[in-house]
C-alpha atoms as a PDB file:
ATOM      1  CA  MET A   1      -0.219  -0.211   0.166  1.00  0.00           C
ATOM      2  CA  ARG A   2       3.257   2.561   0.883  1.00  0.00           C
ATOM      3  CA  ASP A   3       3.952   2.183  -2.767  1.00  0.00           C
ATOM      4  CA  SER A   4       1.058   2.668  -4.029  1.00  0.00           C
ATOM      5  CA  TRP A   5       1.390   5.971  -2.976  1.00  0.00           C
ATOM      6  CA  LYS A   6       4.297   6.914  -3.734  1.00  0.00           C
ATOM      7  CA  ALA A   7       4.514   5.873  -7.070  1.00  0.00           C
ATOM      8  CA  ALA A   8       1.100   8.292  -6.894  1.00  0.00           C
ATOM      9  CA  TYR A   9       2.619  10.859  -5.430  1.00  0.00           C
ATOM     10  CA  ARG A  10       5.483  10.522  -7.448  1.00  0.00           C
ATOM     11  CA  TYR A  11       3.523  10.638 -11.063  1.00  0.00           C
ATOM     12  CA  GLY A  12       0.885  13.047  -9.850  1.00  0.00           C
ATOM     13  CA  ASN A  13       3.155  15.767  -9.729  1.00  0.00           C
ATOM     14  CA  ILE A  14       3.839  15.432 -13.059  1.00  0.00           C
ATOM     15  CA  GLY A  15       1.978  18.311 -14.142  1.00  0.00           C
ATOM     16  CA  LEU A  16       3.329  20.179 -12.240  1.00  0.00           C
ATOM     17  CA  GLU A  17       6.918  19.767 -12.459  1.00  0.00           C
ATOM     18  CA  LEU A  18       6.077  20.463 -16.412  1.00  0.00           C
ATOM     19  CA  PHE A  19       4.175  23.491 -15.763  1.00  0.00           C
ATOM     20  CA  LEU A  20       6.813  25.068 -13.500  1.00  0.00           C
ATOM     21  CA  SER A  21      10.031  24.543 -15.630  1.00  0.00           C
ATOM     22  CA  ILE A  22       8.258  26.786 -18.640  1.00  0.00           C
ATOM     23  CA  VAL A  23       7.354  29.170 -16.272  1.00  0.00           C
ATOM     24  CA  VAL A  24      11.453  28.997 -14.832  1.00  0.00           C
ATOM     25  CA  GLY A  25      12.544  29.078 -18.090  1.00  0.00           C
ATOM     26  CA  PHE A  26      10.166  32.146 -19.018  1.00  0.00           C
ATOM     27  CA  LEU A  27      11.452  33.885 -15.896  1.00  0.00           C
ATOM     28  CA  LEU A  28      14.874  33.331 -16.395  1.00  0.00           C
ATOM     29  CA  GLY A  29      14.881  33.998 -19.652  1.00  0.00           C
ATOM     30  CA  ARG A  30      13.339  37.115 -18.488  1.00  0.00           C
ATOM     31  CA  TRP A  31      15.322  38.199 -16.255  1.00  0.00           C
ATOM     32  CA  VAL A  32      18.269  37.983 -18.697  1.00  0.00           C
ATOM     33  CA  ASP A  33      16.333  40.010 -21.062  1.00  0.00           C
ATOM     34  CA  ARG A  34      16.417  42.623 -18.795  1.00  0.00           C
ATOM     35  CA  HIS A  35      19.543  43.140 -17.273  1.00  0.00           C
ATOM     36  CA  PHE A  36      22.173  42.148 -21.115  1.00  0.00           C
ATOM     37  CA  LEU A  37      19.794  41.752 -23.827  1.00  0.00           C
ATOM     38  CA  HIS A  38      18.301  45.500 -23.861  1.00  0.00           C
ATOM     39  CA  GLY A  39      14.286  44.194 -23.577  1.00  0.00           C
ATOM     40  CA  HIS A  40      15.396  41.645 -26.493  1.00  0.00           C
ATOM     41  CA  GLY A  41      13.043  39.412 -26.624  1.00  0.00           C
ATOM     42  CA  TRP A  42      14.911  36.549 -27.121  1.00  0.00           C
ATOM     43  CA  GLY A  43      16.415  35.358 -23.473  1.00  0.00           C
ATOM     44  CA  THR A  44      12.839  35.548 -23.101  1.00  0.00           C
ATOM     45  CA  ALA A  45      12.519  33.052 -26.102  1.00  0.00           C
ATOM     46  CA  VAL A  46      15.195  31.120 -25.841  1.00  0.00           C
ATOM     47  CA  GLY A  47      14.558  30.029 -21.849  1.00  0.00           C
ATOM     48  CA  THR A  48      10.630  29.771 -22.869  1.00  0.00           C
ATOM     49  CA  LEU A  49      11.818  27.214 -25.222  1.00  0.00           C
ATOM     50  CA  VAL A  50      14.163  25.552 -22.328  1.00  0.00           C
ATOM     51  CA  GLY A  51      11.683  25.186 -20.710  1.00  0.00           C
ATOM     52  CA  VAL A  52       9.571  23.081 -22.310  1.00  0.00           C
ATOM     53  CA  TYR A  53      12.341  21.531 -23.051  1.00  0.00           C
ATOM     54  CA  THR A  54      13.294  20.100 -19.386  1.00  0.00           C
ATOM     55  CA  GLY A  55       9.728  19.588 -18.586  1.00  0.00           C
ATOM     56  CA  PHE A  56       8.917  17.695 -22.014  1.00  0.00           C
ATOM     57  CA  ARG A  57      12.402  15.248 -21.112  1.00  0.00           C
ATOM     58  CA  SER A  58      11.225  15.292 -17.579  1.00  0.00           C
ATOM     59  CA  LEU A  59       7.812  13.810 -18.970  1.00  0.00           C
ATOM     60  CA  TRP A  60       9.518  11.020 -20.513  1.00  0.00           C
ATOM     61  CA  LYS A  61      12.047  10.045 -18.127  1.00  0.00           C
ATOM     62  CA  MET A  62       8.693  10.275 -16.085  1.00  0.00           C
ATOM     63  CA  ALA A  63       7.299   7.566 -18.687  1.00  0.00           C
ATOM     64  CA  LYS A  64       9.539   5.531 -18.610  1.00  0.00           C
ATOM     65  CA  GLN A  65      10.050   4.928 -15.277  1.00  0.00           C
ATOM     66  CA  ALA A  66       6.723   3.749 -15.008  1.00  0.00           C
ATOM     67  CA  GLU A  67       6.922   2.007 -18.408  1.00  0.00           C
ATOM     68  CA  ARG A  68       9.819   0.428 -16.601  1.00  0.00           C
ATOM     69  CA  GLU A  69       7.732  -0.370 -12.961  1.00  0.00           C
ATOM     70  CA  ALA A  70       5.084  -1.627 -14.496  1.00  0.00           C
ATOM     71  CA  ALA A  71       6.692  -4.755 -16.973  1.00  0.00           C
ATOM     72  CA  ALA A  72       8.474  -5.509 -13.976  1.00  0.00           C
ATOM     73  CA  GLU A  73       5.252  -5.821 -11.832  1.00  0.00           C
ATOM     74  CA  GLU A  74       3.786  -7.731 -14.913  1.00  0.00           C
ATOM     75  CA  GLU A  75       6.739 -10.777 -14.636  1.00  0.00           C
ATOM     76  CA  ARG A  76       6.581 -10.611 -10.645  1.00  0.00           C
ATOM     77  CA  GLU A  77       2.982 -11.334 -10.704  1.00  0.00           C
ATOM     78  CA  ARG A  78       3.695 -13.452 -13.594  1.00  0.00           C
ATOM     79  CA  ARG A  79       6.334 -15.378 -12.238  1.00  0.00           C
ATOM     80  CA  GLU A  80       4.130 -15.620  -8.786  1.00  0.00           C
ATOM     81  CA  ALA A  81       1.250 -17.994 -11.268  1.00  0.00           C
ATOM     82  CA  ASP A  82       3.657 -20.061 -11.576  1.00  0.00           C
ATOM     83  CA  LEU A  83       4.862 -21.037  -8.805  1.00  0.00           C
ATOM     84  CA  LYS A  84       1.025 -21.288  -7.881  1.00  0.00           C
ATOM     85  CA  THR A  85       0.113 -23.862 -10.107  1.00  0.00           C
ATOM     86  CA  LYS A  86       3.264 -25.311  -9.832  1.00  0.00           C
ATOM     87  CA  ARG A  87       2.171 -25.032  -5.605  1.00  0.00           C
ATOM     88  CA  ASP A  88      -0.792 -27.259  -6.419  1.00  0.00           C
ATOM     89  CA  ALA A  89      -0.358 -29.603  -9.175  1.00  0.00           C
ATOM     90  CA  TYR A  90       2.660 -30.907  -6.956  1.00  0.00           C
ATOM     91  CA  ARG A  91      -0.322 -30.713  -4.011  1.00  0.00           C
ATOM     92  CA  ARG A  92      -1.996 -32.728  -6.359  1.00  0.00           C
ATOM     93  CA  GLU A  93       0.053 -35.300  -7.161  1.00  0.00           C
ATOM     94  CA  VAL A  94       0.957 -36.961  -3.746  1.00  0.00           C
ATOM     95  CA  GLU A  95      -1.955 -36.424  -2.633  1.00  0.00           C
ATOM     96  CA  GLY A  96      -3.241 -38.301  -4.648  1.00  0.00           C
ATOM     97  CA  GLY A  97      -6.109 -36.301  -4.806  1.00  0.00           C
ATOM     98  CA  PRO A  98      -8.782 -35.043  -7.578  1.00  0.00           C
ATOM     99  CA  LYS A  99      -7.378 -34.695 -11.243  1.00  0.00           C
ATOM    100  CA  PRO A 100      -8.332 -31.442 -13.014  1.00  0.00           C
ATOM    101  CA  LYS A 101     -10.617 -32.243 -15.951  1.00  0.00           C
ATOM    102  CA  GLY A 102      -8.419 -32.688 -18.843  1.00  0.00           C
ATOM    103  CA  ASP A 103      -6.155 -34.039 -17.513  1.00  0.00           C
ATOM    104  CA  LEU A 104      -5.124 -38.161 -19.452  1.00  0.00           C
END
């Protein structure tokens, strides 16, 4: 249960992270414009583009991480199901209980 809350927190904040990356890039670009480029707007444009790139790169990395975690979870569940099937077959064999239909 605790891991699911961690994942919800981590992936739930990606929108905020994307927004803040863009805003910080914009504000830093604006600051560069005012102090070094005398208000021409190039710093703001470049800063905004850098913020957009940073935000979407972060989004991409989170998506890849979520994909890896989902694949690992599926693999773990598949192994557990295989192990349970083997245990059940062994118990039926040892106990001499009824065999499932379809076994000849």
